[in-house]
Amino acid sequence: MQCIKRLLYGICLILPAQLFSQTPLLPQGYKHQNLMDRLEIRFRDSALSFQHIKPYDRKGWVAALERIDSTAPMNKVDAYNIQDALMNNYEWVTGPKDAFNSRKPWVKTFYKVKSDFLLVDTKDFFLSVNPVFQFQAGKESGTDETLFVNSKGARGRGLIAKKIGFDFYLTDNQERDPFYVRRFVDSFHAVPGAGFYKTFKKTGYDYFDARGSVFFNITKYINVQFGYDKNFIGNGYRSLFLSDFSNNYLFLKLAARIWKLNYQSMFMELTPQDLINPGNELIDKKYAAVHHLSLQATKWLNIGFFESVVFGRENHFEFSYLIPIIFLRSIEQQNGSADNANIGFDVKANIAKHVQIYSQILLDEFKLSEMKGGEGWWGNKYGIQLGAKYIDALGIRNLDLQAEYNAVRPFTYSHFDGVANYSHYNQPLAHPMGANLREVIGIAKYQPIPKLSIQGKIIGWIQGLDSAGINYGSNIFRYYTDRPKDYDWKIGEGRRATGVNASLWVGYEVLENLFVDGVFQVRNYKVADDPTLSRNTTMFSLGLRMNMFRREYDY
């Protein structure tokens, strides 16, 4: 990653003397994400239409909230959520802040503001620091072991003279996951969403999650983030472009927002596959470049273009991929077509102030003549997502529904070597289940009163798995050259696996950012002619969580 560090240093040298204010971003699992979706659909705010690039910036979020809060009537729950979101982004609020203050701060120093353990707000310095923890215990059918999550740490964000921003998130974690998650760890030597880990109490895992970024602006319209974290591109529950399922990674992101355009260019340092939980040894690296351009074509319609390339070089970084305004596929061809290049298109439409329709199309490889031939050529590798959100469904306030369909052809995201597949630290960078699958997702969210949230979710899928050692294109880590045929490929080819994962979550916010969570989950999984992989399980858990996202097992 030395090349990215040099590029960052070069950018710093050309910074103007007066920088525009720069803001840390909203965290993963942000508790007001559903509010953001609701407001975008209802008011078709052009700034919020760009929030499919996650994480979203705090300053833009507050500006949108203040515009909406001052111009439109709200029901009780939405009004509460807006004021709560403003309080949790204290540094950018331009209106009165007295309502955010605590009546009884701790020793006159801590919790002066209800949302922040320690908050410093002076002329040229802002700092917010909060404790982070999640304690969860549960039971899984078919075993006497107790499932648990034990996370504790801290998170913070800050601004220096409103010119440089920074944030961090640090947690120490111990957990014993459901049986099917442990099977994933055994197969891929990776805890989902985490990197290096150690065994804990024989069947559990111990790992440290450290994230952080610095932010600054080059001009009023172009900002820079240099960090170690995750990113997500899309409007759906899944992303076929880039998801936050895998481990954190080092990246440099350049973002430009001007007129009706939002452009992001990201350069990432990743870890290739075949990593078996190393100890004191240097890990190999691979790299990726990602571009996404979106246009707010009308007040209600947003369209976007995506491209990425994943590559590895034994002796050097491919500097041609650092050019942020070039078509990556053309450069990949000039380099000899040895890398894994993808392109994609996305669209989002907000209709009648209640409905949003969205879609993604990913093309890993595509040949029109083979598609017209209709013979199922293996090289037509692509993925399709179709989805819709419906807020205040059936006239019930704060009842929001979402439906989503994902289909990914065999061998999508894979490559002819073990370096350039679309993965990081033995985990997919896009869909968590890889490829050769069809999936349907249904989600219902209901917030009847300000502090109570209920979510029901059901995920059903079919997938074609490898059989007798033959590669049927679901495992993105296998070389696509290791395939049994060239034609007659369809989704589900191979050993048929079917699954249903249904869950009900109830959360109550006891104090600001302190939640009591109850989760009931049923997962049925069946693999044709293989009872050792088939398993039906029921789980229940109860937990306490503060200032962090919920640990979910939704695959």
Protein backbone atom coordinates (compact mmCIF):
# COMPACT_ATOMS: atom_id res chain seq x y z
CA MET A 1 0.00 0.00 0.00
CA GLN A 2 3.06 2.27 -0.19
CA CYS A 3 1.80 3.65 -3.50
CA ILE A 4 -1.45 4.83 -1.89
CA LYS A 5 0.46 6.41 0.96
CA ARG A 6 2.63 8.27 -1.56
CA LEU A 7 -0.49 9.38 -3.43
CA LEU A 8 -2.02 10.63 -0.18
CA TYR A 9 1.18 12.53 0.63
CA GLY A 10 1.12 14.11 -2.83
CA ILE A 11 -2.47 15.20 -2.37
CA CYS A 12 -1.55 16.82 0.95
CA LEU A 13 1.16 18.86 -0.76
CA ILE A 14 -1.34 20.50 -3.11
CA LEU A 15 -4.01 21.29 -0.50
CA PRO A 16 -5.07 24.95 -0.46
CA ALA A 17 -4.39 27.03 2.61
CA GLN A 18 -8.08 27.29 3.49
CA LEU A 19 -9.89 23.94 3.62
CA PHE A 20 -13.63 23.47 3.65
CA SER A 21 -15.10 21.69 6.66
CA GLN A 22 -14.84 17.90 6.59
CA THR A 23 -16.96 15.45 8.54
CA PRO A 24 -16.60 11.89 9.81
CA LEU A 25 -19.15 9.45 8.42
CA LEU A 26 -22.10 7.68 9.98
CA PRO A 27 -21.16 4.27 11.42
CA GLN A 28 -22.03 0.79 10.16
CA GLY A 29 -25.44 -0.28 11.43
CA TYR A 30 -26.44 3.35 12.04
CA LYS A 31 -29.63 3.26 14.11
CA HIS A 32 -31.36 5.96 12.05
CA GLN A 33 -30.78 4.28 8.67
CA ASN A 34 -34.48 3.46 8.39
CA LEU A 35 -35.34 7.10 9.08
CA MET A 36 -32.99 8.10 6.27
CA ASP A 37 -34.77 5.74 3.87
CA ARG A 38 -38.17 7.03 4.95
CA LEU A 39 -37.28 10.68 4.51
CA GLU A 40 -35.69 10.12 1.11
CA ILE A 41 -38.78 8.33 -0.17
CA ARG A 42 -41.26 10.82 1.30
CA PHE A 43 -39.49 14.09 0.47
CA ARG A 44 -37.27 13.04 -2.44
CA ASP A 45 -34.44 15.12 -1.03
CA SER A 46 -31.66 15.21 -3.64
CA ALA A 47 -28.91 15.02 -1.01
CA LEU A 48 -30.37 11.87 0.54
CA SER A 49 -30.67 10.27 -2.89
CA PHE A 50 -26.90 9.77 -2.79
CA GLN A 51 -27.00 7.81 0.46
CA HIS A 52 -26.67 4.49 -1.38
CA ILE A 53 -22.93 5.07 -0.94
CA LYS A 54 -22.48 4.00 2.68
CA PRO A 55 -21.32 5.16 5.10
CA TYR A 56 -22.96 8.55 4.55
CA ASP A 57 -21.53 11.85 5.75
CA ARG A 58 -22.85 13.41 8.96
CA LYS A 59 -22.84 17.01 7.77
CA GLY A 60 -25.03 16.24 4.73
CA TRP A 61 -27.37 14.17 6.90
CA VAL A 62 -27.87 17.01 9.38
CA ALA A 63 -28.42 19.54 6.59
CA ALA A 64 -31.15 17.34 5.13
CA LEU A 65 -32.75 16.83 8.55
CA GLU A 66 -32.84 20.55 9.25
CA ARG A 67 -34.40 21.31 5.86
CA ILE A 68 -37.10 18.70 6.40
CA ASP A 69 -37.70 19.53 10.07
CA SER A 70 -38.40 23.15 9.27
CA THR A 71 -40.75 22.60 6.34
CA ALA A 72 -42.97 19.58 6.95
CA PRO A 73 -45.33 18.23 9.59
CA MET A 74 -44.26 14.93 11.17
CA ASN A 75 -45.93 12.18 13.10
CA LYS A 76 -44.79 11.63 16.67
CA VAL A 77 -42.33 8.84 15.93
CA ASP A 78 -40.65 10.53 12.96
CA ALA A 79 -40.38 13.82 14.84
CA TYR A 80 -38.73 12.02 17.76
CA ASN A 81 -36.32 10.21 15.44
CA ILE A 82 -35.33 13.44 13.68
CA GLN A 83 -34.51 15.20 16.95
CA ASP A 84 -32.64 12.12 18.15
CA ALA A 85 -30.63 11.97 14.91
CA LEU A 86 -29.75 15.66 15.27
CA MET A 87 -28.56 15.11 18.84
CA ASN A 88 -26.35 12.21 17.74
CA ASN A 89 -24.70 14.49 15.17
CA TYR A 90 -24.31 17.41 17.54
CA GLU A 91 -21.35 19.10 15.85
CA TRP A 92 -23.25 20.01 12.67
CA VAL A 93 -26.54 21.21 14.16
CA THR A 94 -27.10 24.90 13.40
CA GLY A 95 -30.28 25.38 15.44
CA PRO A 96 -30.84 25.38 19.22
CA LYS A 97 -29.12 22.58 21.15
CA ASP A 98 -30.43 23.15 24.67
CA ALA A 99 -32.86 20.22 24.41
CA PHE A 100 -29.91 17.86 23.95
CA ASN A 101 -28.35 18.69 27.32
CA SER A 102 -28.60 16.31 30.26
CA ARG A 103 -30.27 17.51 33.43
CA LYS A 104 -27.71 15.74 35.64
CA PRO A 105 -24.30 15.28 34.01
CA TRP A 106 -21.91 12.83 35.70
CA VAL A 107 -19.51 14.79 37.93
CA LYS A 108 -20.22 17.79 35.70
CA THR A 109 -18.02 16.28 32.98
CA PHE A 110 -19.59 13.19 31.46
CA TYR A 111 -22.93 12.97 29.63
CA LYS A 112 -23.37 16.71 29.42
CA VAL A 113 -25.25 15.81 26.24
CA LYS A 114 -27.58 12.81 26.46
CA SER A 115 -26.01 11.03 23.49
CA ASP A 116 -22.31 11.38 24.34
CA PHE A 117 -20.26 10.09 27.25
CA LEU A 118 -17.58 12.73 26.65
CA LEU A 119 -18.19 15.70 24.40
CA VAL A 120 -15.84 18.62 23.80
CA ASP A 121 -17.09 21.47 21.62
CA THR A 122 -14.82 24.49 21.45
CA LYS A 123 -13.91 26.96 18.73
CA ASP A 124 -11.38 24.82 16.87
CA PHE A 125 -11.90 21.37 18.33
CA PHE A 126 -14.75 18.90 18.59
CA LEU A 127 -14.47 15.46 20.20
CA SER A 128 -17.06 12.79 21.01
CA VAL A 129 -16.11 9.55 22.78
CA ASN A 130 -18.53 6.81 23.78
CA PRO A 131 -18.31 3.36 25.34
CA VAL A 132 -19.26 0.41 23.14
CA PHE A 133 -20.53 -2.93 24.34
CA GLN A 134 -22.81 -5.81 23.42
CA PHE A 135 -23.60 -8.68 25.77
CA GLN A 136 -25.84 -11.33 24.27
CA ALA A 137 -26.66 -14.88 25.34
CA GLY A 138 -28.80 -17.46 23.60
CA LYS A 139 -29.62 -21.09 22.96
CA GLU A 140 -29.61 -23.14 19.79
CA SER A 141 -31.63 -26.31 19.33
CA GLY A 142 -29.68 -29.53 19.13
CA THR A 143 -26.86 -28.44 21.43
CA ASP A 144 -26.31 -27.77 25.11
CA GLU A 145 -23.78 -25.02 24.45
CA THR A 146 -24.70 -21.41 25.14
CA LEU A 147 -24.39 -18.98 22.26
CA PHE A 148 -22.93 -15.63 23.29
CA VAL A 149 -21.50 -12.35 22.07
CA ASN A 150 -19.26 -10.34 24.40
CA SER A 151 -18.00 -7.10 22.86
CA LYS A 152 -16.60 -4.07 24.63
CA GLY A 153 -14.59 -1.06 23.58
CA ALA A 154 -14.93 2.56 22.55
CA ARG A 155 -15.74 4.71 19.55
CA GLY A 156 -15.16 8.36 18.85
CA ARG A 157 -15.07 11.09 16.25
CA GLY A 158 -13.64 14.57 16.07
CA LEU A 159 -12.91 17.71 14.08
CA ILE A 160 -9.87 19.95 14.15
CA ALA A 161 -10.73 23.52 13.15
CA LYS A 162 -13.48 21.98 11.01
CA LYS A 163 -10.78 21.22 8.46
CA ILE A 164 -9.67 17.72 9.41
CA GLY A 165 -11.98 15.02 10.69
CA PHE A 166 -11.25 11.67 12.26
CA ASP A 167 -13.08 8.70 13.74
CA PHE A 168 -12.23 5.40 15.39
CA TYR A 169 -13.94 2.22 16.57
CA LEU A 170 -12.17 -0.32 18.79
CA THR A 171 -13.71 -3.47 20.28
CA ASP A 172 -12.47 -6.66 21.88
CA ASN A 173 -14.83 -9.53 21.01
CA GLN A 174 -15.53 -13.06 22.17
CA GLU A 175 -18.38 -15.04 20.70
CA ARG A 176 -19.78 -18.52 20.19
CA ASP A 177 -21.80 -18.50 17.01
CA PRO A 178 -24.56 -20.78 15.70
CA PHE A 179 -23.46 -24.10 14.24
CA TYR A 180 -23.83 -23.00 10.60
CA VAL A 181 -21.60 -19.96 11.22
CA ARG A 182 -18.97 -22.21 12.80
CA ARG A 183 -19.16 -24.40 9.72
CA PHE A 184 -18.40 -21.28 7.61
CA VAL A 185 -15.38 -20.52 9.82
CA ASP A 186 -14.12 -24.08 9.52
CA SER A 187 -14.49 -24.00 5.73
CA PHE A 188 -12.99 -20.58 5.03
CA HIS A 189 -10.79 -19.92 8.09
CA ALA A 190 -12.51 -16.59 8.72
CA VAL A 191 -15.05 -15.28 11.21
CA PRO A 192 -17.66 -13.39 9.12
CA GLY A 193 -16.86 -9.69 9.20
CA ALA A 194 -13.60 -10.16 11.10
CA GLY A 195 -9.95 -10.85 10.35
CA PHE A 196 -7.40 -12.58 12.53
CA TYR A 197 -8.98 -14.59 15.36
CA LYS A 198 -8.12 -17.05 18.10
CA THR A 199 -10.09 -19.99 19.44
CA PHE A 200 -12.05 -19.18 22.59
CA LYS A 201 -13.48 -21.85 24.91
CA LYS A 202 -12.93 -24.57 22.28
CA THR A 203 -15.88 -23.66 20.03
CA GLY A 204 -15.83 -19.85 20.23
CA TYR A 205 -13.75 -17.08 18.70
CA ASP A 206 -11.75 -14.17 20.06
CA TYR A 207 -10.85 -11.23 17.81
CA PHE A 208 -10.13 -7.50 17.89
CA ASP A 209 -12.05 -5.11 15.62
CA ALA A 210 -10.17 -1.87 14.98
CA ARG A 211 -11.35 0.78 12.51
CA GLY A 212 -10.40 4.37 11.90
CA SER A 213 -10.23 7.11 9.26
CA VAL A 214 -9.01 10.64 8.68
CA PHE A 215 -10.97 13.05 6.47
CA PHE A 216 -10.17 16.31 4.71
CA ASN A 217 -11.30 18.32 1.69
CA ILE A 218 -9.27 19.28 -1.35
CA THR A 219 -11.91 21.75 -2.54
CA LYS A 220 -15.46 22.57 -1.62
CA TYR A 221 -16.67 19.67 -3.75
CA ILE A 222 -13.94 17.03 -3.37
CA ASN A 223 -13.11 15.26 -0.12
CA VAL A 224 -10.69 12.53 0.86
CA GLN A 225 -10.95 9.64 3.32
CA PHE A 226 -7.94 7.53 4.26
CA GLY A 227 -9.02 4.71 6.50
CA TYR A 228 -9.26 1.13 7.64
CA ASP A 229 -12.93 0.19 7.61
CA LYS A 230 -15.77 -1.14 5.41
CA ASN A 231 -17.91 0.30 2.63
CA PHE A 232 -21.24 -0.54 0.99
CA ILE A 233 -22.60 0.44 -2.43
CA GLY A 234 -26.30 -0.05 -3.02
CA ASN A 235 -29.86 0.62 -1.93
CA GLY A 236 -30.77 -2.95 -1.05
CA TYR A 237 -30.30 -5.29 1.85
CA ARG A 238 -27.63 -7.02 -0.20
CA SER A 239 -25.16 -5.45 -2.59
CA LEU A 240 -23.92 -7.12 -5.74
CA PHE A 241 -21.24 -4.41 -6.11
CA LEU A 242 -19.58 -4.01 -2.70
CA SER A 243 -20.96 -5.07 0.69
CA ASP A 244 -19.81 -4.74 4.30
CA PHE A 245 -19.80 -8.51 4.91
CA SER A 246 -16.03 -9.09 4.85
CA ASN A 247 -13.22 -7.92 7.11
CA ASN A 248 -12.05 -4.29 7.32
CA TYR A 249 -9.48 -3.15 4.76
CA LEU A 250 -7.15 -0.22 4.12
CA PHE A 251 -8.43 2.22 1.50
CA LEU A 252 -8.12 5.70 0.07
CA LYS A 253 -11.39 7.22 -1.10
CA LEU A 254 -11.84 10.34 -3.23
CA ALA A 255 -15.40 11.65 -3.35
CA ALA A 256 -16.74 14.47 -5.50
CA ARG A 257 -20.26 15.85 -5.27
CA ILE A 258 -21.23 18.69 -7.58
CA TRP A 259 -24.36 19.66 -9.47
CA LYS A 260 -26.39 16.44 -9.84
CA LEU A 261 -23.34 14.18 -9.82
CA ASN A 262 -21.81 12.11 -7.07
CA TYR A 263 -18.54 10.33 -7.91
CA GLN A 264 -16.44 8.09 -5.69
CA SER A 265 -13.12 6.52 -6.49
CA MET A 266 -11.61 4.06 -4.02
CA PHE A 267 -8.28 2.23 -3.90
CA MET A 268 -8.16 -0.77 -1.57
CA GLU A 269 -5.51 -3.05 -0.11
CA LEU A 270 -6.92 -6.55 0.37
CA THR A 271 -5.82 -9.97 1.58
CA PRO A 272 -5.97 -12.90 -0.87
CA GLN A 273 -7.45 -16.33 -0.19
CA ASP A 274 -5.82 -19.50 1.19
CA LEU A 275 -5.05 -17.68 4.41
CA ILE A 276 -5.20 -20.08 7.37
CA ASN A 277 -5.26 -17.75 10.39
CA PRO A 278 -1.56 -16.78 10.36
CA GLY A 279 0.51 -16.01 13.41
CA ASN A 280 3.83 -14.21 13.18
CA GLU A 281 4.19 -14.12 9.42
CA LEU A 282 3.77 -11.46 6.77
CA ILE A 283 0.49 -11.75 4.87
CA ASP A 284 0.44 -11.33 1.09
CA LYS A 285 -1.56 -8.48 -0.41
CA LYS A 286 -3.75 -7.85 -3.40
CA TYR A 287 -5.43 -4.65 -4.52
CA ALA A 288 -8.64 -3.27 -5.93
CA ALA A 289 -9.83 -0.06 -7.55
CA VAL A 290 -13.53 0.85 -7.44
CA HIS A 291 -15.39 3.69 -9.16
CA HIS A 292 -19.03 4.65 -8.77
CA LEU A 293 -20.76 7.54 -10.55
CA SER A 294 -24.38 8.45 -9.90
CA LEU A 295 -26.59 11.08 -11.49
CA GLN A 296 -29.69 12.55 -9.90
CA ALA A 297 -31.49 12.67 -13.26
CA THR A 298 -34.72 14.04 -11.78
CA LYS A 299 -35.95 14.74 -8.29
CA TRP A 300 -37.23 11.17 -8.06
CA LEU A 301 -34.77 9.21 -10.26
CA ASN A 302 -31.13 8.32 -9.57
CA ILE A 303 -29.02 6.26 -11.97
CA GLY A 304 -25.48 5.02 -11.48
CA PHE A 305 -22.51 3.29 -13.07
CA PHE A 306 -20.08 1.02 -11.21
CA GLU A 307 -16.75 -0.52 -12.13
CA SER A 308 -14.09 -2.40 -10.23
CA VAL A 309 -10.90 -4.30 -10.83
CA VAL A 310 -9.13 -6.70 -8.45
CA PHE A 311 -5.49 -7.53 -9.10
CA GLY A 312 -2.23 -8.67 -7.60
CA ARG A 313 1.36 -8.10 -8.65
CA GLU A 314 4.35 -9.86 -7.18
CA ASN A 315 6.70 -6.96 -7.75
CA HIS A 316 4.65 -3.78 -8.01
CA PHE A 317 1.30 -2.02 -7.76
CA GLU A 318 -0.49 -1.34 -11.06
CA PHE A 319 -0.24 2.46 -11.06
CA SER A 320 -2.49 2.90 -14.11
CA TYR A 321 -5.47 1.98 -11.92
CA LEU A 322 -4.83 5.04 -9.75
CA ILE A 323 -6.26 7.37 -12.39
CA PRO A 324 -9.72 8.11 -10.96
CA ILE A 325 -11.40 9.27 -14.20
CA ILE A 326 -10.72 6.41 -16.56
CA PHE A 327 -12.57 3.29 -17.63
CA LEU A 328 -10.92 0.50 -15.62
CA ARG A 329 -11.84 -2.23 -18.10
CA SER A 330 -9.89 -0.48 -20.88
CA ILE A 331 -6.79 -0.28 -18.68
CA GLU A 332 -7.21 -3.92 -17.68
CA GLN A 333 -7.23 -4.89 -21.36
CA GLN A 334 -4.14 -2.79 -22.06
CA ASN A 335 -2.39 -4.59 -19.21
CA GLY A 336 -3.10 -7.98 -20.81
CA SER A 337 -6.55 -8.82 -19.35
CA ALA A 338 -5.04 -10.70 -16.42
CA ASP A 339 -7.14 -8.99 -13.78
CA ASN A 340 -10.74 -9.37 -12.61
CA ALA A 341 -12.75 -6.43 -13.94
CA ASN A 342 -16.48 -5.91 -13.27
CA ILE A 343 -18.94 -3.26 -14.38
CA GLY A 344 -22.45 -2.55 -13.18
CA PHE A 345 -25.48 -0.32 -13.40
CA ASP A 346 -27.93 0.74 -10.71
CA VAL A 347 -31.15 2.70 -10.60
CA LYS A 348 -33.43 4.01 -7.88
CA ALA A 349 -36.83 5.66 -8.24
CA ASN A 350 -38.94 7.24 -5.47
CA ILE A 351 -42.60 7.12 -6.39
CA ALA A 352 -45.72 8.72 -4.92
CA LYS A 353 -43.97 9.57 -1.62
CA HIS A 354 -44.43 6.01 -0.37
CA VAL A 355 -42.51 3.64 -2.66
CA GLN A 356 -38.93 3.20 -3.76
CA ILE A 357 -37.91 0.80 -6.53
CA TYR A 358 -34.24 -0.08 -6.93
CA SER A 359 -32.06 -2.39 -8.97
CA GLN A 360 -28.46 -3.44 -9.60
CA ILE A 361 -27.01 -5.25 -12.61
CA LEU A 362 -23.48 -6.60 -12.33
CA LEU A 363 -21.53 -7.84 -15.36
CA ASP A 364 -18.46 -9.88 -14.52
CA GLU A 365 -18.15 -11.16 -18.06
CA PHE A 366 -20.69 -10.96 -20.85
CA LYS A 367 -20.85 -11.91 -24.53
CA LEU A 368 -23.98 -10.88 -26.40
CA SER A 369 -23.63 -13.50 -29.12
CA GLU A 370 -23.47 -16.26 -26.51
CA MET A 371 -26.46 -14.79 -24.68
CA LYS A 372 -28.49 -14.77 -27.92
CA GLY A 373 -27.42 -18.34 -28.58
CA GLY A 374 -29.26 -19.42 -25.46
CA GLU A 375 -26.93 -22.33 -24.76
CA GLY A 376 -25.97 -21.26 -21.24
CA TRP A 377 -22.34 -20.33 -21.88
CA TRP A 378 -20.34 -20.43 -18.64
CA GLY A 379 -18.71 -17.04 -19.35
CA ASN A 380 -21.95 -15.09 -19.18
CA LYS A 381 -21.32 -14.21 -15.54
CA TYR A 382 -23.66 -11.63 -14.11
CA GLY A 383 -25.90 -10.77 -11.19
CA ILE A 384 -29.29 -9.05 -10.98
CA GLN A 385 -31.00 -7.37 -8.04
CA LEU A 386 -34.59 -6.08 -7.99
CA GLY A 387 -36.15 -4.53 -4.91
CA ALA A 388 -38.81 -2.25 -3.50
CA LYS A 389 -39.46 -0.37 -0.26
CA TYR A 390 -42.91 0.71 0.88
CA ILE A 391 -43.14 3.15 3.80
CA ASP A 392 -46.23 3.66 5.99
CA ALA A 393 -47.56 0.52 4.36
CA LEU A 394 -51.33 0.03 4.14
CA GLY A 395 -51.81 3.40 5.80
CA ILE A 396 -50.11 2.27 9.03
CA ARG A 397 -47.65 4.89 10.22
CA ASN A 398 -44.06 3.72 10.63
CA LEU A 399 -44.76 0.28 9.20
CA ASP A 400 -42.20 -0.16 6.43
CA LEU A 401 -41.92 -3.12 4.08
CA GLN A 402 -39.10 -4.22 1.80
CA ALA A 403 -38.89 -7.00 -0.78
CA GLU A 404 -35.77 -7.97 -2.69
CA TYR A 405 -34.72 -10.54 -5.28
CA ASN A 406 -31.10 -11.43 -6.04
CA ALA A 407 -29.79 -13.81 -8.69
CA VAL A 408 -26.11 -14.49 -9.39
CA ARG A 409 -24.91 -16.73 -12.23
CA PRO A 410 -22.35 -19.52 -11.68
CA PHE A 411 -18.66 -18.47 -11.61
CA THR A 412 -19.49 -14.78 -11.04
CA TYR A 413 -16.82 -13.05 -8.91
CA SER A 414 -14.36 -15.93 -9.48
CA HIS A 415 -11.13 -15.81 -11.52
CA PHE A 416 -8.55 -18.03 -13.15
CA ASP A 417 -6.14 -17.61 -10.23
CA GLY A 418 -6.40 -17.48 -6.44
CA VAL A 419 -5.55 -13.78 -6.19
CA ALA A 420 -7.95 -11.74 -8.30
CA ASN A 421 -11.28 -13.26 -7.21
CA TYR A 422 -13.68 -10.77 -5.67
CA SER A 423 -12.86 -11.48 -2.05
CA HIS A 424 -10.97 -10.24 1.00
CA TYR A 425 -9.60 -12.27 3.90
CA ASN A 426 -11.37 -15.45 2.73
CA GLN A 427 -14.74 -13.68 2.55
CA PRO A 428 -16.79 -12.40 -0.40
CA LEU A 429 -16.71 -8.67 -1.12
CA ALA A 430 -20.28 -8.73 -2.46
CA HIS A 431 -22.98 -11.32 -1.74
CA PRO A 432 -22.10 -13.33 1.41
CA MET A 433 -23.12 -16.65 -0.19
CA GLY A 434 -20.96 -16.20 -3.30
CA ALA A 435 -22.57 -17.15 -6.61
CA ASN A 436 -24.84 -19.65 -8.42
CA LEU A 437 -27.86 -18.67 -6.36
CA ARG A 438 -31.32 -17.17 -6.32
CA GLU A 439 -32.51 -15.36 -3.20
CA VAL A 440 -35.71 -13.68 -2.04
CA ILE A 441 -35.76 -11.37 1.00
CA GLY A 442 -38.75 -9.91 2.82
CA ILE A 443 -38.43 -7.40 5.67
CA ALA A 444 -41.08 -5.68 7.80
CA LYS A 445 -40.11 -2.89 10.21
CA TYR A 446 -42.49 -1.31 12.68
CA GLN A 447 -41.88 1.43 15.23
CA PRO A 448 -45.18 1.92 17.07
CA ILE A 449 -43.71 4.24 19.73
CA PRO A 450 -40.43 6.19 19.76
CA LYS A 451 -38.34 3.76 21.79
CA LEU A 452 -39.71 0.43 20.55
CA SER A 453 -38.68 -1.17 17.25
CA ILE A 454 -39.80 -4.48 15.77
CA GLN A 455 -38.38 -6.20 12.71
CA GLY A 456 -39.41 -9.42 11.00
CA LYS A 457 -37.20 -10.81 8.26
CA ILE A 458 -37.34 -13.89 6.05
CA ILE A 459 -34.67 -14.95 3.56
CA GLY A 460 -35.14 -17.87 1.21
CA TRP A 461 -32.64 -19.16 -1.35
CA ILE A 462 -31.59 -21.95 -3.65
CA GLN A 463 -27.97 -22.54 -4.60
CA GLY A 464 -26.03 -25.04 -6.68
CA LEU A 465 -23.10 -26.45 -4.67
CA ASP A 466 -20.06 -28.39 -5.76
CA SER A 467 -20.55 -32.14 -5.97
CA ALA A 468 -17.92 -34.91 -5.81
CA GLY A 469 -15.18 -32.31 -6.08
CA ILE A 470 -16.61 -30.83 -9.30
CA ASN A 471 -16.70 -27.03 -9.49
CA TYR A 472 -20.25 -25.82 -10.18
CA GLY A 473 -19.48 -22.13 -9.74
CA SER A 474 -20.87 -21.29 -6.29
CA ASN A 475 -17.52 -21.07 -4.50
CA ILE A 476 -15.86 -17.87 -5.71
CA PHE A 477 -12.50 -19.02 -4.33
CA ARG A 478 -12.19 -21.87 -6.84
CA TYR A 479 -10.62 -21.20 -10.24
CA TYR A 480 -13.21 -20.91 -13.02
CA THR A 481 -10.85 -22.85 -15.30
CA ASP A 482 -11.66 -25.89 -13.14
CA ARG A 483 -15.11 -26.45 -14.62
CA PRO A 484 -16.63 -29.60 -16.10
CA LYS A 485 -18.19 -28.02 -19.23
CA ASP A 486 -18.52 -24.79 -21.21
CA TYR A 487 -22.26 -24.77 -21.98
CA ASP A 488 -25.63 -25.61 -20.48
CA TRP A 489 -25.07 -23.60 -17.30
CA LYS A 490 -27.98 -22.26 -15.30
CA ILE A 491 -28.44 -20.96 -11.78
CA GLY A 492 -28.74 -23.86 -9.38
CA GLU A 493 -26.51 -26.17 -11.43
CA GLY A 494 -24.85 -28.79 -9.22
CA ARG A 495 -25.94 -30.24 -5.91
CA ARG A 496 -29.13 -28.39 -4.97
CA ALA A 497 -29.19 -26.58 -1.61
CA THR A 498 -32.26 -24.77 -0.28
CA GLY A 499 -32.52 -22.57 2.77
CA VAL A 500 -34.93 -20.42 4.74
CA ASN A 501 -33.74 -18.06 7.46
CA ALA A 502 -36.53 -16.29 9.39
CA SER A 503 -36.06 -13.99 12.37
CA LEU A 504 -37.97 -11.64 14.65
CA TRP A 505 -36.14 -8.86 16.49
CA VAL A 506 -37.61 -6.65 19.20
CA GLY A 507 -35.51 -3.78 20.50
CA TYR A 508 -36.26 -1.26 23.23
CA GLU A 509 -34.07 1.81 23.82
CA VAL A 510 -33.88 1.97 27.61
CA LEU A 511 -31.56 4.98 27.63
CA GLU A 512 -30.03 6.94 24.77
CA ASN A 513 -28.22 4.43 22.52
CA LEU A 514 -28.68 1.64 25.09
CA PHE A 515 -30.88 -1.17 23.73
CA VAL A 516 -32.36 -4.35 25.10
CA ASP A 517 -32.55 -6.85 22.20
CA GLY A 518 -34.58 -10.02 21.91
CA VAL A 519 -34.16 -12.23 18.82
CA PHE A 520 -35.97 -15.39 17.76
CA GLN A 521 -34.60 -17.14 14.67
CA VAL A 522 -35.44 -20.27 12.69
CA ARG A 523 -33.12 -21.57 9.97
CA ASN A 524 -33.88 -24.59 7.79
CA TYR A 525 -31.16 -25.74 5.41
CA LYS A 526 -31.22 -28.79 3.17
CA VAL A 527 -28.63 -30.13 0.75
CA ALA A 528 -29.78 -32.80 -1.67
CA ASP A 529 -28.57 -36.30 -0.72
CA ASP A 530 -26.32 -35.00 2.06
CA PRO A 531 -27.76 -35.16 5.59
CA THR A 532 -24.38 -34.13 7.08
CA LEU A 533 -24.78 -30.63 5.60
CA SER A 534 -28.56 -30.38 6.10
CA ARG A 535 -29.62 -28.88 9.42
CA ASN A 536 -32.71 -27.28 10.91
CA THR A 537 -32.15 -25.05 13.88
CA THR A 538 -34.06 -22.73 16.20
CA MET A 539 -32.36 -19.99 18.19
CA PHE A 540 -33.34 -17.46 20.81
CA SER A 541 -31.14 -14.75 22.32
CA LEU A 542 -31.45 -11.83 24.70
CA GLY A 543 -28.92 -9.06 25.03
CA LEU A 544 -27.89 -5.56 25.99
CA ARG A 545 -26.19 -3.31 23.43
CA MET A 546 -24.80 0.22 23.53
CA ASN A 547 -23.44 2.39 20.71
CA MET A 548 -22.89 -0.47 18.26
CA PHE A 549 -24.60 -2.48 15.56
CA ARG A 550 -26.28 -5.83 16.18
CA ARG A 551 -24.41 -9.04 15.35
CA GLU A 552 -26.60 -10.80 12.78
CA TYR A 553 -26.38 -14.19 11.05
CA ASP A 554 -28.49 -13.60 7.96
CA TYR A 555 -27.25 -16.15 5.47
